[in-house]
Each structure stands twice: as C-alpha cells, then as structure tokens.
C-alpha atoms as a PDB file:
ATOM      1  CA  MET A   1    -178.170  -7.645 -19.066  1.00  0.00           C
ATOM      2  CA  MET A   2    -179.441  -9.340 -22.053  1.00  0.00           C
ATOM      3  CA  GLN A   3    -182.873  -8.770 -23.900  1.00  0.00           C
ATOM      4  CA  SER A   4    -184.631 -10.934 -26.333  1.00  0.00           C
ATOM      5  CA  VAL A   5    -186.679  -9.736 -29.240  1.00  0.00           C
ATOM      6  CA  GLY A   6    -188.487 -10.780 -31.959  1.00  0.00           C
ATOM      7  CA  SER A   7    -190.269  -9.679 -35.280  1.00  0.00           C
ATOM      8  CA  ASN A   8    -192.895  -8.464 -33.840  1.00  0.00           C
ATOM      9  CA  ALA A   9    -192.919  -4.844 -35.112  1.00  0.00           C
ATOM     10  CA  ALA A  10    -195.746  -2.573 -34.795  1.00  0.00           C
ATOM     11  CA  PRO A  11    -198.070  -3.221 -37.110  1.00  0.00           C
ATOM     12  CA  GLY A  12    -198.971  -0.475 -39.982  1.00  0.00           C
ATOM     13  CA  ARG A  13    -195.261   1.160 -39.185  1.00  0.00           C
ATOM     14  CA  ILE A  14    -194.207   0.537 -42.425  1.00  0.00           C
ATOM     15  CA  PRO A  15    -191.562   3.201 -43.686  1.00  0.00           C
ATOM     16  CA  GLY A  16    -192.112   5.417 -46.871  1.00  0.00           C
ATOM     17  CA  VAL A  17    -195.864   4.341 -46.939  1.00  0.00           C
ATOM     18  CA  HIS A  18    -197.927   7.359 -47.236  1.00  0.00           C
ATOM     19  CA  GLY A  19    -195.127   9.596 -45.930  1.00  0.00           C
ATOM     20  CA  LEU A  20    -194.999   8.134 -42.742  1.00  0.00           C
ATOM     21  CA  THR A  21    -192.211   9.045 -39.888  1.00  0.00           C
ATOM     22  CA  LEU A  22    -191.679   6.575 -37.390  1.00  0.00           C
ATOM     23  CA  PRO A  23    -190.356   7.413 -34.289  1.00  0.00           C
ATOM     24  CA  ALA A  24    -186.507   6.455 -32.873  1.00  0.00           C
ATOM     25  CA  TYR A  25    -186.333   3.024 -31.901  1.00  0.00           C
ATOM     26  CA  PRO A  26    -186.308   3.443 -27.531  1.00  0.00           C
ATOM     27  CA  HIS A  27    -182.983   1.578 -26.892  1.00  0.00           C
ATOM     28  CA  GLU A  28    -182.499   0.810 -23.399  1.00  0.00           C
ATOM     29  CA  SER A  29    -179.209   1.317 -23.318  1.00  0.00           C
ATOM     30  CA  LEU A  30    -176.454   3.951 -24.742  1.00  0.00           C
ATOM     31  CA  PHE A  31    -174.181   0.868 -25.981  1.00  0.00           C
ATOM     32  CA  SER A  32    -175.499  -2.631 -27.461  1.00  0.00           C
ATOM     33  CA  VAL A  33    -174.557  -4.911 -29.747  1.00  0.00           C
ATOM     34  CA  ILE A  34    -177.861  -6.389 -31.913  1.00  0.00           C
ATOM     35  CA  THR A  35    -177.630  -9.486 -34.149  1.00  0.00           C
ATOM     36  CA  LEU A  36    -179.818  -8.676 -37.027  1.00  0.00           C
ATOM     37  CA  GLY A  37    -178.614 -11.090 -39.480  1.00  0.00           C
ATOM     38  CA  SER A  38    -176.852 -14.341 -37.247  1.00  0.00           C
ATOM     39  CA  GLY A  39    -177.133 -17.099 -40.477  1.00  0.00           C
ATOM     40  CA  THR A  40    -174.973 -18.053 -43.404  1.00  0.00           C
ATOM     41  CA  PRO A  41    -175.011 -18.334 -46.675  1.00  0.00           C
ATOM     42  CA  GLU A  42    -177.404 -20.887 -46.624  1.00  0.00           C
ATOM     43  CA  LEU A  43    -181.019 -19.873 -46.744  1.00  0.00           C
ATOM     44  CA  ASN A  44    -182.847 -19.994 -43.766  1.00  0.00           C
ATOM     45  CA  LEU A  45    -186.436 -18.294 -42.735  1.00  0.00           C
ATOM     46  CA  GLU A  46    -185.181 -17.872 -39.068  1.00  0.00           C
ATOM     47  CA  ARG A  47    -181.682 -16.314 -39.671  1.00  0.00           C
ATOM     48  CA  ALA A  48    -180.970 -13.561 -42.264  1.00  0.00           C
ATOM     49  CA  CYS A  49    -176.925 -13.141 -43.720  1.00  0.00           C
ATOM     50  CA  ALA A  50    -174.285 -11.958 -41.952  1.00  0.00           C
ATOM     51  CA  CYS A  51    -175.417  -8.447 -40.140  1.00  0.00           C
ATOM     52  CA  THR A  52    -174.131  -7.129 -36.693  1.00  0.00           C
ATOM     53  CA  VAL A  53    -175.499  -3.755 -35.582  1.00  0.00           C
ATOM     54  CA  ILE A  54    -173.550  -1.153 -32.980  1.00  0.00           C
ATOM     55  CA  GLN A  55    -175.550   0.675 -31.320  1.00  0.00           C
ATOM     56  CA  TYR A  56    -174.617   4.002 -29.820  1.00  0.00           C
ATOM     57  CA  LYS A  57    -177.040   6.823 -28.666  1.00  0.00           C
ATOM     58  CA  GLY A  58    -179.579   5.651 -31.626  1.00  0.00           C
ATOM     59  CA  ASP A  59    -177.160   5.742 -34.209  1.00  0.00           C
ATOM     60  CA  TYR A  60    -176.536   2.754 -35.873  1.00  0.00           C
ATOM     61  CA  TYR A  61    -173.070   1.248 -37.278  1.00  0.00           C
ATOM     62  CA  VAL A  62    -174.287  -1.838 -39.477  1.00  0.00           C
ATOM     63  CA  LEU A  63    -171.664  -4.397 -39.677  1.00  0.00           C
ATOM     64  CA  ASP A  64    -171.680  -6.894 -42.950  1.00  0.00           C
ATOM     65  CA  VAL A  65    -174.905  -6.037 -45.070  1.00  0.00           C
ATOM     66  CA  GLY A  66    -176.170 -10.118 -45.754  1.00  0.00           C
ATOM     67  CA  ASN A  67    -179.455 -10.690 -47.460  1.00  0.00           C
ATOM     68  CA  GLY A  68    -182.283 -10.182 -45.454  1.00  0.00           C
ATOM     69  CA  ALA A  69    -180.702  -7.803 -43.626  1.00  0.00           C
ATOM     70  CA  SER A  70    -183.086  -4.394 -44.823  1.00  0.00           C
ATOM     71  CA  LEU A  71    -186.192  -6.330 -44.197  1.00  0.00           C
ATOM     72  CA  SER A  72    -184.283  -7.173 -40.411  1.00  0.00           C
ATOM     73  CA  PHE A  73    -184.036  -3.258 -40.059  1.00  0.00           C
ATOM     74  CA  LEU A  74    -188.314  -3.394 -40.732  1.00  0.00           C
ATOM     75  CA  LYS A  75    -188.433  -6.036 -38.539  1.00  0.00           C
ATOM     76  CA  GLY A  76    -187.007  -4.398 -35.472  1.00  0.00           C
ATOM     77  CA  GLY A  77    -187.570  -4.804 -31.837  1.00  0.00           C
ATOM     78  CA  ARG A  78    -190.402  -5.428 -29.424  1.00  0.00           C
ATOM     79  CA  HIS A  79    -190.595  -1.282 -29.541  1.00  0.00           C
ATOM     80  CA  GLY A  80    -190.873  -1.526 -33.676  1.00  0.00           C
ATOM     81  CA  PRO A  81    -188.995  -0.999 -36.447  1.00  0.00           C
ATOM     82  CA  TYR A  82    -185.260   0.166 -36.151  1.00  0.00           C
ATOM     83  CA  ARG A  83    -185.232   3.307 -38.732  1.00  0.00           C
ATOM     84  CA  HIS A  84    -182.799   3.111 -41.957  1.00  0.00           C
ATOM     85  CA  GLU A  85    -182.114   6.931 -41.735  1.00  0.00           C
ATOM     86  CA  ASP A  86    -180.537   6.629 -38.340  1.00  0.00           C
ATOM     87  CA  ILE A  87    -177.758   5.044 -40.084  1.00  0.00           C
ATOM     88  CA  ALA A  88    -174.537   6.031 -38.939  1.00  0.00           C
ATOM     89  CA  ALA A  89    -172.405   4.224 -40.830  1.00  0.00           C
ATOM     90  CA  VAL A  90    -172.179   0.627 -42.932  1.00  0.00           C
ATOM     91  CA  ILE A  91    -168.695  -1.467 -42.350  1.00  0.00           C
ATOM     92  CA  PHE A  92    -167.803  -4.426 -43.536  1.00  0.00           C
ATOM     93  CA  THR A  93    -165.613  -6.888 -41.847  1.00  0.00           C
ATOM     94  CA  HIS A  94    -165.008  -8.504 -45.591  1.00  0.00           C
ATOM     95  CA  LEU A  95    -166.815  -8.600 -49.252  1.00  0.00           C
ATOM     96  CA  HIS A  96    -168.103 -12.392 -49.386  1.00  0.00           C
ATOM     97  CA  GLN A  97    -171.723 -12.042 -50.802  1.00  0.00           C
ATOM     98  CA  ASP A  98    -173.846 -13.263 -47.579  1.00  0.00           C
ATOM     99  CA  HIS A  99    -172.406 -10.130 -46.330  1.00  0.00           C
ATOM    100  CA  VAL A 100    -172.664  -7.489 -48.942  1.00  0.00           C
ATOM    101  CA  THR A 101    -175.698  -8.372 -50.840  1.00  0.00           C
ATOM    102  CA  ASP A 102    -178.450  -6.414 -48.994  1.00  0.00           C
ATOM    103  CA  TYR A 103    -176.359  -2.853 -49.095  1.00  0.00           C
ATOM    104  CA  PHE A 104    -178.010  -1.814 -52.009  1.00  0.00           C
ATOM    105  CA  ASP A 105    -181.359  -2.343 -50.190  1.00  0.00           C
ATOM    106  CA  LEU A 106    -180.066  -0.762 -47.136  1.00  0.00           C
ATOM    107  CA  ILE A 107    -178.586   2.294 -48.280  1.00  0.00           C
ATOM    108  CA  THR A 108    -181.865   2.906 -50.998  1.00  0.00           C
ATOM    109  CA  THR A 109    -183.904   2.482 -47.996  1.00  0.00           C
ATOM    110  CA  ARG A 110    -181.933   4.846 -45.884  1.00  0.00           C
ATOM    111  CA  TRP A 111    -181.391   7.267 -48.509  1.00  0.00           C
ATOM    112  CA  GLY A 112    -185.406   7.833 -49.655  1.00  0.00           C
ATOM    113  CA  SER A 113    -186.272   7.856 -45.955  1.00  0.00           C
ATOM    114  CA  GLY A 114    -184.387  11.314 -45.383  1.00  0.00           C
ATOM    115  CA  GLY A 115    -180.785   9.500 -44.291  1.00  0.00           C
ATOM    116  CA  LYS A 116    -177.741  12.057 -44.720  1.00  0.00           C
ATOM    117  CA  HIS A 117    -173.868  11.437 -44.754  1.00  0.00           C
ATOM    118  CA  LEU A 118    -172.930   7.874 -44.416  1.00  0.00           C
ATOM    119  CA  ASP A 119    -169.852   6.913 -43.569  1.00  0.00           C
ATOM    120  CA  LEU A 120    -168.723   3.739 -45.163  1.00  0.00           C
ATOM    121  CA  ILE A 121    -165.514   1.341 -43.905  1.00  0.00           C
ATOM    122  CA  GLY A 122    -164.162  -1.886 -44.708  1.00  0.00           C
ATOM    123  CA  PRO A 123    -161.132  -3.539 -46.835  1.00  0.00           C
ATOM    124  CA  PRO A 124    -160.240  -2.323 -50.374  1.00  0.00           C
ATOM    125  CA  GLY A 125    -163.980  -2.903 -52.621  1.00  0.00           C
ATOM    126  CA  ALA A 126    -165.847  -1.147 -50.227  1.00  0.00           C
ATOM    127  CA  LYS A 127    -165.643   1.790 -52.956  1.00  0.00           C
ATOM    128  CA  GLU A 128    -166.364  -0.200 -55.871  1.00  0.00           C
ATOM    129  CA  LEU A 129    -169.239  -1.759 -54.603  1.00  0.00           C
ATOM    130  CA  HIS A 130    -170.815   1.825 -53.542  1.00  0.00           C
ATOM    131  CA  GLU A 131    -169.758   2.838 -57.343  1.00  0.00           C
ATOM    132  CA  PHE A 132    -171.591   0.068 -58.855  1.00  0.00           C
ATOM    133  CA  LEU A 133    -174.766   0.591 -56.981  1.00  0.00           C
ATOM    134  CA  ILE A 134    -174.807   4.341 -58.308  1.00  0.00           C
ATOM    135  CA  THR A 135    -173.798   3.513 -61.521  1.00  0.00           C
ATOM    136  CA  PHE A 136    -175.580   0.500 -62.267  1.00  0.00           C
ATOM    137  CA  PHE A 137    -179.106   1.897 -60.668  1.00  0.00           C
ATOM    138  CA  ARG A 138    -178.029   5.239 -61.688  1.00  0.00           C
ATOM    139  CA  GLY A 139    -181.435   5.710 -63.661  1.00  0.00           C
ATOM    140  CA  ASP A 140    -183.499   3.731 -60.674  1.00  0.00           C
ATOM    141  CA  LEU A 141    -181.820   5.952 -58.092  1.00  0.00           C
ATOM    142  CA  VAL A 142    -182.313   9.252 -60.039  1.00  0.00           C
ATOM    143  CA  TYR A 143    -186.505   8.005 -60.434  1.00  0.00           C
ATOM    144  CA  ARG A 144    -186.160   8.259 -56.631  1.00  0.00           C
ATOM    145  CA  TRP A 145    -185.112  11.538 -56.142  1.00  0.00           C
ATOM    146  CA  LEU A 146    -187.519  13.286 -58.540  1.00  0.00           C
ATOM    147  CA  ASN A 147    -190.172  11.825 -56.069  1.00  0.00           C
ATOM    148  CA  GLY A 148    -188.338  12.081 -53.087  1.00  0.00           C
ATOM    149  CA  GLY A 149    -188.731  15.985 -53.114  1.00  0.00           C
ATOM    150  CA  SER A 150    -190.851  15.936 -50.138  1.00  0.00           C
ATOM    151  CA  SER A 151    -188.784  13.965 -47.652  1.00  0.00           C
ATOM    152  CA  GLY A 152    -186.243  15.458 -48.244  1.00  0.00           C
ATOM    153  CA  VAL A 153    -183.822  13.416 -50.500  1.00  0.00           C
ATOM    154  CA  ASP A 154    -181.316  15.293 -52.507  1.00  0.00           C
ATOM    155  CA  GLU A 155    -177.575  13.983 -53.828  1.00  0.00           C
ATOM    156  CA  GLN A 156    -176.338  13.682 -50.229  1.00  0.00           C
ATOM    157  CA  GLY A 157    -176.486   9.952 -48.741  1.00  0.00           C
ATOM    158  CA  MET A 158    -175.711   8.316 -51.912  1.00  0.00           C
ATOM    159  CA  PHE A 159    -174.436  10.727 -55.352  1.00  0.00           C
ATOM    160  CA  ASP A 160    -172.728  12.832 -52.272  1.00  0.00           C
ATOM    161  CA  GLY A 161    -171.947  12.757 -48.655  1.00  0.00           C
ATOM    162  CA  VAL A 162    -171.094   9.113 -48.916  1.00  0.00           C
ATOM    163  CA  ASP A 163    -167.480   8.993 -46.962  1.00  0.00           C
ATOM    164  CA  ILE A 164    -165.298   5.349 -48.058  1.00  0.00           C
ATOM    165  CA  ARG A 165    -162.591   4.494 -46.140  1.00  0.00           C
ATOM    166  CA  GLU A 166    -161.042   1.586 -47.086  1.00  0.00           C
ATOM    167  CA  ILE A 167    -158.544  -0.086 -44.647  1.00  0.00           C
ATOM    168  CA  ILE A 168    -155.925  -2.754 -44.067  1.00  0.00           C
ATOM    169  CA  GLY A 169    -154.350  -3.946 -41.469  1.00  0.00           C
ATOM    170  CA  SER A 170    -154.208  -2.344 -37.806  1.00  0.00           C
ATOM    171  CA  ASN A 171    -155.975   0.637 -37.461  1.00  0.00           C
ATOM    172  CA  GLU A 172    -157.038   2.848 -34.871  1.00  0.00           C
ATOM    173  CA  PHE A 173    -160.030   6.016 -35.392  1.00  0.00           C
ATOM    174  CA  VAL A 174    -162.869   7.793 -33.829  1.00  0.00           C
ATOM    175  CA  LEU A 175    -166.212   7.040 -35.041  1.00  0.00           C
ATOM    176  CA  GLY A 176    -169.016   8.644 -33.836  1.00  0.00           C
ATOM    177  CA  GLY A 177    -167.709   9.221 -30.554  1.00  0.00           C
ATOM    178  CA  MET A 178    -166.254   5.622 -30.032  1.00  0.00           C
ATOM    179  CA  THR A 179    -162.826   4.258 -30.361  1.00  0.00           C
ATOM    180  CA  VAL A 180    -162.302   1.272 -33.109  1.00  0.00           C
ATOM    181  CA  ARG A 181    -159.608  -0.723 -33.580  1.00  0.00           C
ATOM    182  CA  THR A 182    -158.960  -3.311 -36.235  1.00  0.00           C
ATOM    183  CA  ALA A 183    -157.213  -6.170 -36.821  1.00  0.00           C
ATOM    184  CA  GLU A 184    -156.487  -8.375 -39.948  1.00  0.00           C
ATOM    185  CA  MET A 185    -158.057 -11.851 -39.317  1.00  0.00           C
ATOM    186  CA  THR A 186    -157.635 -15.318 -41.705  1.00  0.00           C
ATOM    187  CA  HIS A 187    -160.519 -15.977 -43.801  1.00  0.00           C
ATOM    188  CA  SER A 188    -160.395 -16.959 -47.996  1.00  0.00           C
ATOM    189  CA  MET A 189    -161.121 -13.492 -48.317  1.00  0.00           C
ATOM    190  CA  TYR A 190    -159.383 -10.323 -46.818  1.00  0.00           C
ATOM    191  CA  ASP A 191    -161.008 -10.182 -43.707  1.00  0.00           C
ATOM    192  CA  LEU A 192    -160.832  -7.327 -40.521  1.00  0.00           C
ATOM    193  CA  ALA A 193    -162.347  -7.669 -36.849  1.00  0.00           C
ATOM    194  CA  TYR A 194    -163.220  -4.302 -35.480  1.00  0.00           C
ATOM    195  CA  ARG A 195    -163.600  -2.924 -31.772  1.00  0.00           C
ATOM    196  CA  PHE A 196    -165.642  -0.699 -30.725  1.00  0.00           C
ATOM    197  CA  ASP A 197    -164.580   1.034 -27.056  1.00  0.00           C
ATOM    198  CA  VAL A 198    -166.884   4.277 -25.433  1.00  0.00           C
ATOM    199  CA  GLU A 199    -167.576   4.953 -21.781  1.00  0.00           C
ATOM    200  CA  GLY A 200    -165.299   2.516 -20.178  1.00  0.00           C
ATOM    201  CA  LYS A 201    -167.055  -0.479 -22.284  1.00  0.00           C
ATOM    202  CA  SER A 202    -166.105  -2.504 -25.352  1.00  0.00           C
ATOM    203  CA  ILE A 203    -167.841  -4.528 -27.810  1.00  0.00           C
ATOM    204  CA  VAL A 204    -165.639  -6.919 -30.436  1.00  0.00           C
ATOM    205  CA  VAL A 205    -167.436  -8.011 -33.891  1.00  0.00           C
ATOM    206  CA  SER A 206    -164.902 -11.083 -35.288  1.00  0.00           C
ATOM    207  CA  GLY A 207    -166.360 -11.204 -38.759  1.00  0.00           C
ATOM    208  CA  ASP A 208    -165.885 -14.704 -40.218  1.00  0.00           C
ATOM    209  CA  THR A 209    -162.657 -16.119 -39.281  1.00  0.00           C
ATOM    210  CA  ALA A 210    -160.259 -19.208 -38.801  1.00  0.00           C
ATOM    211  CA  PHE A 211    -158.374 -19.141 -35.433  1.00  0.00           C
ATOM    212  CA  ASP A 212    -156.061 -16.532 -35.366  1.00  0.00           C
ATOM    213  CA  PRO A 213    -153.927 -15.393 -31.924  1.00  0.00           C
ATOM    214  CA  ARG A 214    -154.857 -11.950 -33.393  1.00  0.00           C
ATOM    215  CA  LEU A 215    -158.582 -11.720 -32.342  1.00  0.00           C
ATOM    216  CA  ILE A 216    -157.092 -12.531 -29.025  1.00  0.00           C
ATOM    217  CA  GLY A 217    -155.279  -9.509 -28.474  1.00  0.00           C
ATOM    218  CA  LEU A 218    -157.978  -7.083 -30.102  1.00  0.00           C
ATOM    219  CA  ALA A 219    -160.737  -8.779 -27.710  1.00  0.00           C
ATOM    220  CA  LYS A 220    -158.359  -8.875 -24.332  1.00  0.00           C
ATOM    221  CA  GLY A 221    -161.095  -8.116 -21.371  1.00  0.00           C
ATOM    222  CA  ALA A 222    -163.548  -6.836 -23.841  1.00  0.00           C
ATOM    223  CA  ASP A 223    -167.694  -6.704 -22.354  1.00  0.00           C
ATOM    224  CA  ILE A 224    -168.885  -8.442 -25.644  1.00  0.00           C
ATOM    225  CA  LEU A 225    -167.176 -10.485 -28.330  1.00  0.00           C
ATOM    226  CA  VAL A 226    -169.415 -11.555 -30.954  1.00  0.00           C
ATOM    227  CA  ILE A 227    -167.537 -14.066 -32.959  1.00  0.00           C
ATOM    228  CA  ASP A 228    -168.109 -16.335 -36.052  1.00  0.00           C
ATOM    229  CA  ALA A 229    -168.998 -19.972 -34.517  1.00  0.00           C
ATOM    230  CA  ASN A 230    -169.503 -22.005 -37.661  1.00  0.00           C
ATOM    231  CA  PRO A 231    -167.869 -25.413 -36.984  1.00  0.00           C
ATOM    232  CA  TRP A 232    -167.993 -27.834 -39.419  1.00  0.00           C
ATOM    233  CA  ALA A 233    -169.013 -31.715 -38.804  1.00  0.00           C
ATOM    234  CA  ASP A 234    -165.787 -32.868 -39.213  1.00  0.00           C
ATOM    235  CA  GLY A 235    -163.935 -30.344 -36.703  1.00  0.00           C
ATOM    236  CA  THR A 236    -161.230 -29.164 -38.743  1.00  0.00           C
ATOM    237  CA  GLY A 237    -163.248 -25.852 -39.555  1.00  0.00           C
ATOM    238  CA  GLN A 238    -162.881 -26.793 -43.184  1.00  0.00           C
ATOM    239  CA  PRO A 239    -165.668 -27.671 -45.536  1.00  0.00           C
ATOM    240  CA  PRO A 240    -165.458 -31.628 -46.471  1.00  0.00           C
ATOM    241  CA  ALA A 241    -164.185 -32.734 -49.967  1.00  0.00           C
ATOM    242  CA  ARG A 242    -163.294 -29.326 -50.888  1.00  0.00           C
ATOM    243  CA  ARG A 243    -160.838 -28.236 -54.520  1.00  0.00           C
ATOM    244  CA  SER A 244    -157.474 -27.031 -54.245  1.00  0.00           C
ATOM    245  CA  ILE A 245    -157.067 -24.128 -55.791  1.00  0.00           C
ATOM    246  CA  GLU A 246    -154.684 -25.877 -58.134  1.00  0.00           C
ATOM    247  CA  GLU A 247    -157.732 -27.474 -59.617  1.00  0.00           C
ATOM    248  CA  LEU A 248    -159.277 -24.191 -61.024  1.00  0.00           C
ATOM    249  CA  PRO A 249    -158.613 -22.575 -64.211  1.00  0.00           C
ATOM    250  CA  VAL A 250    -155.421 -20.578 -64.130  1.00  0.00           C
ATOM    251  CA  GLU A 251    -157.612 -17.415 -64.938  1.00  0.00           C
ATOM    252  CA  TYR A 252    -159.673 -17.951 -61.401  1.00  0.00           C
ATOM    253  CA  ARG A 253    -156.181 -18.381 -59.314  1.00  0.00           C
ATOM    254  CA  ALA A 254    -155.160 -15.019 -60.060  1.00  0.00           C
ATOM    255  CA  LEU A 255    -156.454 -12.915 -56.958  1.00  0.00           C
ATOM    256  CA  THR A 256    -155.266  -9.757 -55.757  1.00  0.00           C
ATOM    257  CA  ARG A 257    -153.959  -9.850 -51.862  1.00  0.00           C
ATOM    258  CA  TYR A 258    -156.893  -8.259 -50.338  1.00  0.00           C
ATOM    259  CA  ARG A 259    -159.163 -10.826 -52.434  1.00  0.00           C
ATOM    260  CA  GLY A 260    -157.928 -13.456 -50.538  1.00  0.00           C
ATOM    261  CA  ASP A 261    -156.621 -16.793 -50.952  1.00  0.00           C
ATOM    262  CA  PRO A 262    -159.637 -19.404 -51.505  1.00  0.00           C
ATOM    263  CA  SER A 263    -157.340 -22.441 -50.177  1.00  0.00           C
ATOM    264  CA  ALA A 264    -157.303 -20.581 -46.515  1.00  0.00           C
ATOM    265  CA  PRO A 265    -159.010 -21.691 -43.551  1.00  0.00           C
ATOM    266  CA  ASN A 266    -162.556 -20.767 -43.159  1.00  0.00           C
ATOM    267  CA  HIS A 267    -164.094 -21.303 -39.769  1.00  0.00           C
ATOM    268  CA  MET A 268    -163.383 -22.335 -36.564  1.00  0.00           C
ATOM    269  CA  PRO A 269    -164.353 -25.744 -34.677  1.00  0.00           C
ATOM    270  CA  ILE A 270    -165.931 -24.831 -31.974  1.00  0.00           C
ATOM    271  CA  GLN A 271    -162.255 -26.015 -29.530  1.00  0.00           C
ATOM    272  CA  ASP A 272    -160.990 -22.804 -31.145  1.00  0.00           C
ATOM    273  CA  VAL A 273    -163.960 -20.539 -30.596  1.00  0.00           C
ATOM    274  CA  VAL A 274    -163.429 -21.125 -27.200  1.00  0.00           C
ATOM    275  CA  ARG A 275    -159.635 -21.270 -27.240  1.00  0.00           C
ATOM    276  CA  VAL A 276    -160.322 -17.318 -28.150  1.00  0.00           C
ATOM    277  CA  VAL A 277    -163.128 -16.618 -25.678  1.00  0.00           C
ATOM    278  CA  ALA A 278    -161.274 -17.917 -22.922  1.00  0.00           C
ATOM    279  CA  GLN A 279    -158.090 -16.246 -23.607  1.00  0.00           C
ATOM    280  CA  ALA A 280    -159.423 -13.113 -24.622  1.00  0.00           C
ATOM    281  CA  GLY A 281    -161.297 -13.016 -21.465  1.00  0.00           C
ATOM    282  CA  VAL A 282    -164.679 -11.771 -22.444  1.00  0.00           C
ATOM    283  CA  ARG A 283    -167.269 -11.237 -20.316  1.00  0.00           C
ATOM    284  CA  LYS A 284    -169.939 -12.350 -23.014  1.00  0.00           C
ATOM    285  CA  ALA A 285    -169.620 -14.441 -25.462  1.00  0.00           C
ATOM    286  CA  VAL A 286    -171.866 -14.444 -28.702  1.00  0.00           C
ATOM    287  CA  LEU A 287    -172.147 -17.139 -31.130  1.00  0.00           C
ATOM    288  CA  THR A 288    -173.081 -16.047 -34.545  1.00  0.00           C
ATOM    289  CA  HIS A 289    -172.935 -17.019 -38.163  1.00  0.00           C
ATOM    290  CA  LEU A 290    -174.840 -20.313 -37.621  1.00  0.00           C
ATOM    291  CA  TRP A 291    -175.866 -23.038 -39.544  1.00  0.00           C
ATOM    292  CA  PRO A 292    -179.616 -24.248 -39.691  1.00  0.00           C
ATOM    293  CA  LEU A 293    -179.766 -26.287 -36.619  1.00  0.00           C
ATOM    294  CA  PRO A 294    -182.007 -26.064 -33.396  1.00  0.00           C
ATOM    295  CA  VAL A 295    -180.617 -24.523 -30.998  1.00  0.00           C
ATOM    296  CA  ASP A 296    -182.452 -25.839 -27.841  1.00  0.00           C
ATOM    297  CA  GLU A 297    -181.922 -26.712 -24.388  1.00  0.00           C
ATOM    298  CA  ALA A 298    -179.626 -30.001 -25.196  1.00  0.00           C
ATOM    299  CA  LEU A 299    -177.435 -27.887 -27.439  1.00  0.00           C
ATOM    300  CA  ILE A 300    -177.060 -24.903 -25.268  1.00  0.00           C
ATOM    301  CA  GLU A 301    -176.326 -27.056 -22.021  1.00  0.00           C
ATOM    302  CA  GLU A 302    -173.601 -29.051 -23.968  1.00  0.00           C
ATOM    303  CA  THR A 303    -172.088 -25.961 -25.674  1.00  0.00           C
ATOM    304  CA  THR A 304    -171.846 -23.880 -22.161  1.00  0.00           C
ATOM    305  CA  ALA A 305    -170.450 -26.737 -20.697  1.00  0.00           C
ATOM    306  CA  VAL A 306    -167.376 -26.716 -23.008  1.00  0.00           C
ATOM    307  CA  PHE A 307    -166.867 -23.293 -22.247  1.00  0.00           C
ATOM    308  CA  ALA A 308    -167.006 -23.841 -18.994  1.00  0.00           C
ATOM    309  CA  ALA A 309    -164.291 -26.960 -18.924  1.00  0.00           C
ATOM    310  CA  SER A 310    -161.730 -24.428 -20.319  1.00  0.00           C
ATOM    311  CA  GLY A 311    -162.591 -22.001 -17.549  1.00  0.00           C
ATOM    312  CA  PHE A 312    -164.501 -19.395 -18.768  1.00  0.00           C
ATOM    313  CA  GLU A 313    -166.574 -17.668 -16.556  1.00  0.00           C
ATOM    314  CA  GLY A 314    -168.433 -15.572 -18.747  1.00  0.00           C
ATOM    315  CA  GLN A 315    -171.989 -15.437 -20.630  1.00  0.00           C
ATOM    316  CA  VAL A 316    -172.505 -17.787 -23.561  1.00  0.00           C
ATOM    317  CA  VAL A 317    -175.088 -16.674 -26.172  1.00  0.00           C
ATOM    318  CA  PHE A 318    -176.380 -17.948 -28.859  1.00  0.00           C
ATOM    319  CA  ALA A 319    -177.132 -15.364 -31.808  1.00  0.00           C
ATOM    320  CA  GLU A 320    -180.896 -14.474 -33.135  1.00  0.00           C
ATOM    321  CA  ASP A 321    -181.924 -12.717 -35.693  1.00  0.00           C
ATOM    322  CA  GLY A 322    -183.168  -9.546 -33.331  1.00  0.00           C
ATOM    323  CA  LEU A 323    -181.145  -9.883 -30.323  1.00  0.00           C
ATOM    324  CA  GLU A 324    -179.702  -6.696 -28.625  1.00  0.00           C
ATOM    325  CA  ILE A 325    -176.976  -7.218 -25.925  1.00  0.00           C
ATOM    326  CA  TRP A 326    -175.765  -4.592 -23.699  1.00  0.00           C
ATOM    327  CA  ALA A 327    -172.587  -4.106 -22.720  1.00  0.00           C
END
C-alpha cells in the first residue's frame, strides 16, 4: 500500500511559535519509509536533497539530512507536520554535502522542540560533524538554552545525551526495537547501506552507490528498497569529462580510507538499478536521488517496461518529497 502526500501541512501549525505544541502525526502504519528529500546536489524547488526517514511506531530514524530536509519535516504530510522532537536517530550513509548540511538546523530545531536522547550513527566523521555543531555554534546554542527553559531545553540532546556510533563495513545491531544491518557500498566517499527489519517486514536504504553485489545481498527479499537511481545520460554511471585524481594538487589527493576515493564510481545507470532490484527480489523499488526531470506518464511507462523486461514483478515507485510508503 502506498500513500502519496504533498506539502499541504495544516496552516498555522508552526513548531516553536508562541510555545505551540504539535500533536504527533497519525501514521496509518507502524512501519513505513518516507522520502522527505529525493533530489541531488543540484538545487530544485520540487526536491530537497537526500533525506529518507524510517518511521516505526511514530518515531523517526532519519537517514541523511541534505539541504531542505528540516523544512520537509515542517511540510510533513496530509495530516500536518512531522514533529522534530519525534526524531529518535540520525543515520548517515555517507558525508557528502548534499547528505549532511541540514544536520545543524534539524538537530537544533529538534533540541529546541524538546528532543532529548539522540542516536547518531554513520561512518567515521559523524562525531566530528556533531562536535563542529556544538563548538562553532556554541554561543548561539547557549542563547537558545537560556531562552528555552519553559520548553524544558537543557544540555540533553545537544551537549549531552547524544550517543554517537561510528561504524564501518558489515554490522548488526538493535535500534528502537528494529534489527539493523549494514553493508559497505561503492561510492566516491565511504558509504554504507542500511537494512531495517521488524515484525517480519524489511526496508533497505542504499545510500549513493555504483553497482555493488553487496547491495543485492543486503536487500534480498526486502519489502522495500529505496535505491539511488541517478544515472548519467551516457549510461556509464559517471559524469562526462571527469577529471582524474592525478590532475589534482598533491595535497588534495591524500584522502584517508574513510574519506573515500574521488575517482571511484558514483552511481548506477538504470540497467544496474534494474539488475540489483531484480536479483534481490524486493517487493517495491523506490527510485530516489533524482535529477530535475519531468516524471510524466511516458517516463513511468518506459521505466516500468525496463524493469518488467528483467523479470521484476514488484512495484516501481518514483520518489517524491513527502511520499510515505508502507512495508
């Protein structure tokens, strides 16, 4: 079952204005995925940068927080905004700018709205990002702390109570009652894909990746796979006229293992997306990280036909900002 929603949040229900408390959003399923940011680094009025949210029992597990993600929470769904204070965790697939730059606003808004303990999970660098927030913006945050007493703002959820877990490679752990598994992907920056399993249902989020058989293994039999579907026009998965790393000054070539290799492949052409989805045997393939293009009936029919020709029998969905899909 799929529910398409827009930015028609209830008028006047703005978090943080005149101490107004928002009601929890009435999700129609205990376990779902919301594509709050379905775009790319190229700014787009219709699509925020990368942000995919796992919703479980009304709590939000936010994967990536690109430009526009915090505002997408406010836009919410047809029943009103999503509450920032219901964010239980922020999880990074990787640390490219279009996946992280709204972290400062999202977490500060969450904190000012009463959010306390936060799980922060991602590859090495996640801790450095949070420490930059509480160091560089310390004066601003202390000001908010002093003025947030009536809202219960204290050090929890910002200066304390943030459980940071940096991970690499294959992992398995429990988060909010869900079993989470990870796998390393292939990208120009160190990248992880995540699988969430609970109550016999499963949702996988690929992050940005070139073709990688480890994604097939991670997504095997999943109900939903939210997959990077950002093919370049030449069909190679690479941008045209790309510089080699040898053309950069020496000091910029010295990248650590976990910062990635900028000469590595970035994304999959549609043929590889289809191969992953078909071989994994998922029920629903949600195509995200989309360049500005008209998703019209012709494109939908053409894409669906490509998937069908591979033997894929599931549902193909083009992500939109605010689209909620039930597992």
